[in-house]
Amino acid sequence: MSQSLAPECNELKERYDTCFLKWYSEKYLRGSSTSDNNECATMFKEYNVCLKRALKERGIDKLLDEAREDFKENDATLLGKKK
């Protein structure tokens, strides 16, 4: 498994990755669970909070927001969504 973009989030990412891979291979692929019933969701939320905090501290969150805004029209076209 790869490391997180933010080293301080590595442990949370590793726990989530391990949980997700186990859930995906042992339950989802075998049809005994759905993506709506992912028991790793709480771990993902914890990792997401850590990662967002780290990106904000480094000022990367603003760059991501700008990139998303710049490509919003293309994304809408490619994904078939309304603007």
Protein backbone atom coordinates (compact mmCIF):
# COMPACT_ATOMS: atom_id res chain seq x y z
CA MET A 1 0.00 0.00 0.00
CA SER A 2 1.15 3.50 -0.72
CA GLN A 3 1.78 6.20 1.82
CA SER A 4 -0.49 9.16 2.33
CA LEU A 5 0.28 12.51 0.74
CA ALA A 6 0.56 13.75 4.33
CA PRO A 7 2.97 11.66 6.45
CA GLU A 8 1.01 12.48 9.61
CA CYS A 9 -1.95 10.61 8.09
CA ASN A 10 -0.03 7.44 7.16
CA GLU A 11 -1.36 5.37 10.05
CA LEU A 12 -4.97 6.29 9.35
CA LYS A 13 -4.51 5.56 5.64
CA GLU A 14 -2.93 2.19 6.35
CA ARG A 15 -5.78 1.17 8.68
CA TYR A 16 -8.36 2.25 6.11
CA ASP A 17 -6.57 0.56 3.20
CA THR A 18 -6.31 -2.71 5.14
CA CYS A 19 -9.98 -2.59 6.12
CA PHE A 20 -11.12 -1.67 2.62
CA LEU A 21 -9.11 -4.39 0.86
CA LYS A 22 -10.44 -7.00 3.27
CA TRP A 23 -14.04 -5.79 2.90
CA TYR A 24 -13.75 -5.53 -0.88
CA SER A 25 -12.25 -8.98 -1.43
CA GLU A 26 -14.10 -10.91 1.25
CA LYS A 27 -17.53 -9.31 1.12
CA TYR A 28 -18.18 -6.94 -1.79
CA LEU A 29 -16.80 -9.17 -4.55
CA ARG A 30 -18.68 -12.14 -3.12
CA GLY A 31 -21.97 -10.25 -3.11
CA SER A 32 -22.42 -10.31 0.66
CA SER A 33 -22.17 -6.54 1.00
CA THR A 34 -22.87 -3.40 -1.00
CA SER A 35 -20.92 -0.19 -1.39
CA ASP A 36 -23.57 1.46 0.80
CA ASN A 37 -22.76 -1.02 3.57
CA ASN A 38 -19.01 -0.50 3.84
CA GLU A 39 -17.86 -1.00 7.43
CA CYS A 40 -14.69 0.94 6.65
CA ALA A 41 -16.54 4.21 6.08
CA THR A 42 -15.71 5.57 9.54
CA MET A 43 -12.00 4.92 8.97
CA PHE A 44 -12.22 6.67 5.61
CA LYS A 45 -13.84 9.71 7.23
CA GLU A 46 -11.06 9.87 9.84
CA TYR A 47 -8.38 9.68 7.14
CA ASN A 48 -10.21 12.25 5.02
CA VAL A 49 -10.35 14.72 7.93
CA CYS A 50 -6.61 14.27 8.56
CA LEU A 51 -5.76 14.68 4.89
CA LYS A 52 -7.93 17.77 4.43
CA ARG A 53 -6.35 19.35 7.50
CA ALA A 54 -2.85 18.66 6.16
CA LEU A 55 -3.70 20.03 2.71
CA LYS A 56 -5.14 23.18 4.27
CA GLU A 57 -2.06 23.69 6.46
CA ARG A 58 0.12 23.50 3.34
CA GLY A 59 -2.15 25.78 1.27
CA ILE A 60 -2.82 22.99 -1.22
CA ASP A 61 -6.57 23.06 -0.59
CA LYS A 62 -6.84 26.41 -2.40
CA LEU A 63 -4.92 25.08 -5.39
CA LEU A 64 -7.26 22.09 -5.57
CA ASP A 65 -10.32 24.33 -5.37
CA GLU A 66 -8.95 26.49 -8.19
CA ALA A 67 -8.20 23.45 -10.36
CA ARG A 68 -11.69 22.07 -9.75
CA GLU A 69 -13.22 25.41 -10.70
CA ASP A 70 -11.09 25.65 -13.84
CA PHE A 71 -12.19 22.23 -15.03
CA LYS A 72 -15.80 22.29 -13.81
CA GLU A 73 -17.15 22.80 -17.31
CA ASN A 74 -15.04 19.98 -18.77
CA ASP A 75 -16.02 17.66 -15.93
CA ALA A 76 -19.69 18.43 -16.46
CA THR A 77 -19.36 17.67 -20.16
CA LEU A 78 -17.39 14.46 -19.66
CA LEU A 79 -19.58 13.22 -16.84
CA GLY A 80 -22.83 14.27 -18.52
CA LYS A 81 -23.86 16.55 -15.67
CA LYS A 82 -25.53 19.93 -15.81
CA LYS A 83 -23.36 22.97 -15.10
